[in-house]
């Protein structure tokens, strides 16, 4: 009985942070953040309401140019998480926007 009233949500749009980091180049954090901001803004402007950002750990290691996790990696990971949160808060005026970061 609820079938006719149920509309499934579209699948999340997936963004690989590692792909963005590769486009920015190793150790180019400023370019990475600029590209990430462009990608998020473009998706929000297009009406996306469910984003999934993946490969956070691999992205951080690539940007730091290291194979092992360090305290500097912790700091950059936190910076990326805060950056994404800020962009989502500022860029959207919708009632709902889901985002996961893995």
Protein backbone atom coordinates (compact mmCIF):
# COMPACT_ATOMS: atom_id res chain seq x y z
CA UNK A 1 0.00 0.00 0.00
CA UNK A 2 2.86 2.39 0.52
CA UNK A 3 4.54 1.49 -2.78
CA UNK A 4 2.80 4.18 -4.84
CA UNK A 5 3.78 6.82 -2.27
CA UNK A 6 7.43 5.80 -2.02
CA UNK A 7 10.07 7.45 -4.16
CA UNK A 8 13.54 5.97 -3.75
CA UNK A 9 16.39 8.42 -3.39
CA UNK A 10 18.93 8.53 -6.18
CA UNK A 11 22.28 6.90 -5.43
CA UNK A 12 24.99 9.14 -4.00
CA UNK A 13 27.39 10.88 -6.33
CA UNK A 14 30.86 9.50 -5.60
CA UNK A 15 33.97 11.65 -5.69
CA UNK A 16 37.40 10.12 -5.30
CA UNK A 17 39.59 12.45 -3.28
CA UNK A 18 42.58 10.48 -4.54
CA UNK A 19 41.65 11.30 -8.15
CA UNK A 20 41.50 14.99 -7.25
CA UNK A 21 44.86 14.71 -5.48
CA UNK A 22 46.38 13.07 -8.59
CA UNK A 23 45.06 15.93 -10.73
CA UNK A 24 46.58 18.43 -8.31
CA UNK A 25 49.93 16.62 -8.20
CA UNK A 26 51.89 15.28 -5.26
CA UNK A 27 52.47 17.80 -2.49
CA UNK A 28 50.25 20.46 -4.11
CA UNK A 29 47.72 21.01 -1.36
CA UNK A 30 46.59 24.43 -2.60
CA UNK A 31 45.72 23.02 -6.01
CA UNK A 32 43.95 20.09 -4.34
CA UNK A 33 41.73 22.37 -2.24
CA UNK A 34 40.93 24.55 -5.26
CA UNK A 35 39.93 21.52 -7.35
CA UNK A 36 37.90 20.04 -4.49
CA UNK A 37 36.02 23.30 -4.02
CA UNK A 38 35.23 23.47 -7.74
CA UNK A 39 33.98 19.88 -7.78
CA UNK A 40 31.77 20.31 -4.71
CA UNK A 41 30.35 23.62 -5.97
CA UNK A 42 29.59 22.19 -9.41
CA UNK A 43 27.72 19.23 -7.94
CA UNK A 44 25.72 21.36 -5.52
CA UNK A 45 24.86 23.82 -8.32
CA UNK A 46 23.68 20.85 -10.40
CA UNK A 47 21.28 19.85 -7.62
CA UNK A 48 23.14 16.96 -6.01
CA UNK A 49 21.75 16.11 -2.59
CA UNK A 50 23.84 13.07 -1.68
CA UNK A 51 27.63 13.11 -1.98
CA UNK A 52 30.11 10.39 -1.08
CA UNK A 53 33.76 11.46 -0.87
CA UNK A 54 36.09 8.47 -0.84
CA UNK A 55 39.78 7.55 -0.51
CA UNK A 56 40.54 10.14 2.16
CA UNK A 57 43.49 8.24 3.65
CA UNK A 58 45.10 7.51 0.29
CA UNK A 59 44.57 11.12 -0.76
CA UNK A 60 46.29 12.43 2.36
CA UNK A 61 49.27 10.11 1.92
CA UNK A 62 49.60 11.16 -1.71
CA UNK A 63 49.50 14.85 -0.87
CA UNK A 64 52.02 14.36 1.94
CA UNK A 65 54.22 12.23 -0.30
CA UNK A 66 54.48 9.43 2.24
CA UNK A 67 53.71 5.73 2.36
CA UNK A 68 53.21 5.61 6.13
CA UNK A 69 50.74 7.58 8.21
CA UNK A 70 52.25 10.43 10.26
CA UNK A 71 51.08 13.21 12.55
CA UNK A 72 51.27 15.54 9.58
CA UNK A 73 48.81 13.20 7.84
CA UNK A 74 46.44 13.52 10.81
CA UNK A 75 46.58 17.30 10.52
CA UNK A 76 45.93 17.30 6.77
CA UNK A 77 43.06 14.81 7.14
CA UNK A 78 41.43 17.10 9.70
CA UNK A 79 41.98 20.09 7.43
CA UNK A 80 40.25 18.33 4.53
CA UNK A 81 37.30 17.28 6.71
CA UNK A 82 36.87 20.83 8.05
CA UNK A 83 37.19 22.27 4.54
CA UNK A 84 34.45 19.99 3.20
CA UNK A 85 32.15 20.79 6.13
CA UNK A 86 32.65 24.51 5.64
CA UNK A 87 31.99 24.35 1.90
CA UNK A 88 28.82 22.33 2.40
CA UNK A 89 27.50 24.70 5.04
CA UNK A 90 28.29 27.83 3.04
CA UNK A 91 27.34 26.52 -0.39
CA UNK A 92 23.92 25.12 0.34
CA UNK A 93 20.64 26.59 1.43
CA UNK A 94 18.66 23.39 1.02
CA UNK A 95 16.83 21.61 3.74
CA UNK A 96 18.87 18.45 3.22
CA UNK A 97 22.25 17.56 1.80
CA UNK A 98 23.83 14.25 2.76
CA UNK A 99 27.57 13.80 2.57
CA UNK A 100 29.87 11.03 3.72
CA UNK A 101 33.64 11.16 3.81
CA UNK A 102 35.63 7.92 3.89
